Amino acid sequence: MRHRAALVGLMVLALAPLAQADAGKTVPATKVFPFLESMLKLSPAERARIKVTYALRRDGKPAAGVKAALIEASGARTPLPIDDQGRFERLPTLAQLQAKAQLHLDVPADAKFGTAMLLDPVLKPSADYDSHDLVATVEESNSAIRKAAGAMALLAPQMEGLAFQKAESGVAIFPNGSSRPLPTEAGAVVFEPSQFKGAARVRLAKTPTAVDYYDRKK
């Protein structure tokens, strides 16, 4: 099993090679942010339960301390701050991507980078959840991923559940009042809708530090 926290706190969906960049040299934003245009073309309702971010990588590690700016056809420049984990704190808009905006990186000429597309469920950490909300998060996230992937949908990841980091333990509670313990794996409590059909609530021993997607095939 591999979940988001196993890889710098986020799950890596795809790795895209980035061309060499130097002072004054730019690369197409669509190459740096793969699938972002497709994801942004979905309606807000379709992608309401999934958060998409991107991280800059160098030699397989977060590329922190790099300055980036989006350059539009008009010459307008928009800074895209990068945090200490290499994650872009701001992303291009759909209009900017469709207008063929370029990305400028302030790095040495021989520097090589990659970008990772990162997916997170939109769920606030809590010790108690309505299981129907958890099921909807998994199902709607998978639907958004497949629609954004288009012809590559068969190769897209399939999220099978959610992993609650450092929640210690948890139970699924059914309408008749009965309960079943949730499994734990790699320090996370795991809820798979297919394994707990009909559950009404999920209660955890502790509020998780983060909520990740779960795929037991990893």
Protein backbone atom coordinates (compact mmCIF):
# COMPACT_ATOMS: atom_id res chain seq x y z
CA MET A 1 0.00 0.00 0.00
CA ARG A 2 1.21 3.46 -0.85
CA HIS A 3 -0.69 6.52 0.21
CA ARG A 4 -0.07 10.23 0.14
CA ALA A 5 1.96 10.47 3.33
CA ALA A 6 4.51 7.98 2.05
CA LEU A 7 5.76 10.49 -0.50
CA VAL A 8 6.51 13.85 1.08
CA GLY A 9 3.00 14.03 2.50
CA LEU A 10 1.29 13.67 -0.87
CA MET A 11 0.49 10.93 -3.30
CA VAL A 12 2.29 11.10 -6.63
CA LEU A 13 -0.01 10.38 -9.56
CA ALA A 14 2.27 11.20 -12.51
CA LEU A 15 5.80 12.32 -13.22
CA ALA A 16 6.37 14.56 -16.20
CA PRO A 17 9.86 15.37 -17.55
CA LEU A 18 10.66 19.07 -17.71
CA ALA A 19 12.94 20.60 -20.31
CA GLN A 20 16.15 22.29 -19.22
CA ALA A 21 15.52 25.86 -18.18
CA ASP A 22 17.85 28.81 -17.67
CA ALA A 23 17.59 32.52 -16.96
CA GLY A 24 15.26 33.97 -19.57
CA LYS A 25 14.30 30.56 -20.98
CA THR A 26 10.72 29.37 -20.67
CA VAL A 27 8.79 26.12 -21.10
CA PRO A 28 5.10 25.59 -21.94
CA ALA A 29 2.98 25.63 -18.79
CA THR A 30 1.01 22.63 -20.03
CA LYS A 31 4.19 20.54 -19.90
CA VAL A 32 4.87 21.55 -16.31
CA PHE A 33 1.27 20.98 -15.20
CA PRO A 34 0.11 17.81 -17.02
CA PHE A 35 -3.64 17.09 -16.95
CA LEU A 36 -4.39 20.39 -15.18
CA GLU A 37 -6.22 21.77 -18.20
CA SER A 38 -8.37 18.62 -18.40
CA MET A 39 -9.12 18.77 -14.69
CA LEU A 40 -10.06 22.46 -14.82
CA LYS A 41 -12.45 21.77 -17.72
CA LEU A 42 -14.58 19.68 -15.37
CA SER A 43 -17.39 21.53 -13.66
CA PRO A 44 -16.71 22.77 -10.12
CA ALA A 45 -19.22 20.22 -8.81
CA GLU A 46 -17.41 17.34 -10.53
CA ARG A 47 -14.08 18.18 -8.90
CA ALA A 48 -15.38 19.54 -5.59
CA ARG A 49 -14.09 16.55 -3.58
CA ILE A 50 -10.58 16.39 -5.02
CA LYS A 51 -7.70 18.85 -4.70
CA VAL A 52 -4.98 18.97 -7.34
CA THR A 53 -1.53 20.41 -6.66
CA TYR A 54 1.86 20.08 -8.33
CA ALA A 55 5.36 19.76 -6.91
CA LEU A 56 8.66 20.54 -8.56
CA ARG A 57 11.22 17.72 -8.21
CA ARG A 58 14.95 17.53 -8.72
CA ASP A 59 16.80 14.22 -8.46
CA GLY A 60 13.66 12.71 -6.96
CA LYS A 61 13.54 15.26 -4.14
CA PRO A 62 11.49 18.42 -3.55
CA ALA A 63 12.96 21.37 -5.41
CA ALA A 64 12.64 24.15 -2.86
CA GLY A 65 14.03 27.65 -3.27
CA VAL A 66 13.23 27.91 -6.98
CA LYS A 67 11.53 31.04 -8.29
CA ALA A 68 8.86 30.55 -10.94
CA ALA A 69 6.68 32.94 -12.93
CA LEU A 70 3.92 32.43 -15.47
CA ILE A 71 4.37 34.50 -18.64
CA GLU A 72 1.29 35.19 -20.76
CA ALA A 73 1.20 36.11 -24.45
CA SER A 74 0.72 39.75 -23.48
CA GLY A 75 3.96 39.63 -21.53
CA ALA A 76 2.19 39.79 -18.17
CA ARG A 77 4.08 37.88 -15.48
CA THR A 78 2.43 36.16 -12.53
CA PRO A 79 4.68 34.79 -9.76
CA LEU A 80 3.98 31.16 -8.86
CA PRO A 81 5.40 30.72 -5.34
CA ILE A 82 6.93 27.35 -4.44
CA ASP A 83 6.92 26.18 -0.82
CA ASP A 84 9.64 24.32 1.10
CA GLN A 85 8.30 20.99 -0.20
CA GLY A 86 8.61 22.09 -3.82
CA ARG A 87 4.84 22.53 -4.19
CA PHE A 88 3.37 25.32 -6.28
CA GLU A 89 1.21 27.48 -4.04
CA ARG A 90 -0.61 28.92 -7.04
CA LEU A 91 -1.55 27.26 -10.34
CA PRO A 92 -2.35 28.65 -13.79
CA THR A 93 -6.02 29.19 -14.61
CA LEU A 94 -7.79 27.37 -17.42
CA ALA A 95 -7.75 30.54 -19.51
CA GLN A 96 -3.99 30.94 -19.04
CA LEU A 97 -3.31 27.34 -20.04
CA GLN A 98 -5.52 27.59 -23.11
CA ALA A 99 -3.76 30.82 -24.10
CA LYS A 100 -0.44 28.90 -24.19
CA ALA A 101 1.14 30.62 -21.20
CA GLN A 102 4.79 29.81 -20.54
CA LEU A 103 6.59 29.08 -17.27
CA HIS A 104 9.90 30.69 -16.41
CA LEU A 105 12.19 29.05 -13.83
CA ASP A 106 15.07 30.97 -12.30
CA VAL A 107 17.60 28.11 -12.29
CA PRO A 108 21.05 27.29 -13.73
CA ALA A 109 21.18 26.32 -17.40
CA ASP A 110 22.17 22.71 -16.66
CA ALA A 111 19.43 22.12 -14.06
CA LYS A 112 16.94 19.35 -14.80
CA PHE A 113 13.58 19.08 -13.10
CA GLY A 114 10.38 17.08 -13.10
CA THR A 115 6.89 17.82 -11.85
CA ALA A 116 4.61 15.54 -9.83
CA MET A 117 0.83 15.82 -9.99
CA LEU A 118 -0.57 15.39 -6.49
CA LEU A 119 -4.11 14.50 -5.48
CA ASP A 120 -5.76 14.99 -2.09
CA PRO A 121 -9.29 14.30 -0.90
CA VAL A 122 -11.14 17.41 0.19
CA LEU A 123 -11.93 16.29 3.75
CA LYS A 124 -11.21 18.05 7.01
CA PRO A 125 -9.53 15.86 9.65
CA SER A 126 -12.14 14.74 12.17
CA ALA A 127 -12.67 11.93 14.66
CA ASP A 128 -16.20 11.32 13.39
CA TYR A 129 -17.52 11.11 9.82
CA ASP A 130 -20.77 10.37 8.06
CA SER A 131 -19.74 7.35 6.00
CA HIS A 132 -21.91 8.51 3.11
CA ASP A 133 -19.66 11.56 2.79
CA LEU A 134 -16.59 9.31 2.72
CA VAL A 135 -18.11 7.06 0.06
CA ALA A 136 -19.05 10.07 -2.06
CA THR A 137 -15.50 11.43 -1.74
CA VAL A 138 -14.02 8.20 -3.11
CA GLU A 139 -16.59 7.73 -5.88
CA GLU A 140 -16.65 11.34 -7.09
CA SER A 141 -12.85 11.61 -6.97
CA ASN A 142 -12.51 8.50 -9.12
CA SER A 143 -15.07 9.86 -11.56
CA ALA A 144 -13.18 13.18 -11.85
CA ILE A 145 -9.88 11.39 -12.41
CA ARG A 146 -11.34 9.20 -15.16
CA LYS A 147 -13.00 12.14 -16.93
CA ALA A 148 -9.83 14.23 -16.79
CA ALA A 149 -7.73 11.30 -18.04
CA GLY A 150 -9.96 10.87 -21.09
CA ALA A 151 -8.51 8.24 -23.43
CA MET A 152 -6.01 7.32 -20.71
CA ALA A 153 -8.74 6.53 -18.16
CA LEU A 154 -7.80 2.85 -18.03
CA LEU A 155 -4.31 3.83 -16.87
CA ALA A 156 -5.50 6.33 -14.28
CA PRO A 157 -5.26 5.42 -10.58
CA GLN A 158 -8.34 3.98 -8.90
CA MET A 159 -8.78 5.11 -5.30
CA GLU A 160 -10.27 2.33 -3.22
CA GLY A 161 -10.69 4.17 0.04
CA LEU A 162 -9.27 6.68 2.47
CA ALA A 163 -6.37 6.54 4.91
CA PHE A 164 -6.55 8.49 8.17
CA GLN A 165 -3.02 9.26 9.29
CA LYS A 166 -2.11 8.64 12.95
CA ALA A 167 -5.73 8.12 14.01
CA GLU A 168 -4.56 5.03 15.96
CA SER A 169 -7.78 2.99 15.52
CA GLY A 170 -11.34 3.30 14.35
CA VAL A 171 -14.66 1.58 13.83
CA ALA A 172 -17.42 1.55 11.23
CA ILE A 173 -20.81 1.90 12.88
CA PHE A 174 -23.92 0.43 11.24
CA PRO A 175 -27.55 1.63 11.46
CA ASN A 176 -28.47 -1.19 13.87
CA GLY A 177 -25.82 0.01 16.33
CA SER A 178 -23.29 -2.73 15.61
CA SER A 179 -19.71 -1.86 14.78
CA ARG A 180 -16.67 -3.34 13.08
CA PRO A 181 -13.04 -2.31 13.62
CA LEU A 182 -11.27 -0.61 10.74
CA PRO A 183 -7.94 -2.06 9.60
CA THR A 184 -4.68 -0.17 10.05
CA GLU A 185 -1.78 -0.11 7.63
CA ALA A 186 1.50 1.78 7.63
CA GLY A 187 0.40 3.91 10.57
CA ALA A 188 -2.97 4.84 9.08
CA VAL A 189 -6.54 3.73 9.76
CA VAL A 190 -8.11 2.64 6.48
CA PHE A 191 -11.73 2.85 5.33
CA GLU A 192 -12.66 1.03 2.10
CA PRO A 193 -16.33 1.51 1.18
CA SER A 194 -16.46 -1.89 -0.53
CA GLN A 195 -15.45 -3.59 2.72
CA PHE A 196 -17.97 -1.75 4.92
CA LYS A 197 -21.11 -1.51 2.83
CA GLY A 198 -24.06 -0.09 4.69
CA ALA A 199 -21.98 1.63 7.37
CA ALA A 200 -23.55 4.81 8.74
CA ARG A 201 -20.59 6.44 10.48
CA VAL A 202 -16.84 6.12 10.88
CA ARG A 203 -15.36 6.97 14.27
CA LEU A 204 -11.67 7.25 14.98
CA ALA A 205 -9.77 7.09 18.26
CA LYS A 206 -7.99 10.35 17.41
CA THR A 207 -8.43 13.14 14.91
CA PRO A 208 -6.08 12.22 12.02
CA THR A 209 -3.15 14.44 11.14
CA ALA A 210 -4.14 14.14 7.47
CA VAL A 211 -6.59 12.29 5.22
CA ASP A 212 -5.15 10.56 2.16
CA TYR A 213 -6.46 8.38 -0.63
CA TYR A 214 -5.85 4.67 -0.25
CA ASP A 215 -5.04 2.08 -2.90
CA ARG A 216 -4.24 -1.39 -1.51
CA LYS A 217 -2.68 -2.44 -4.82
CA LYS A 218 0.27 -0.12 -4.20
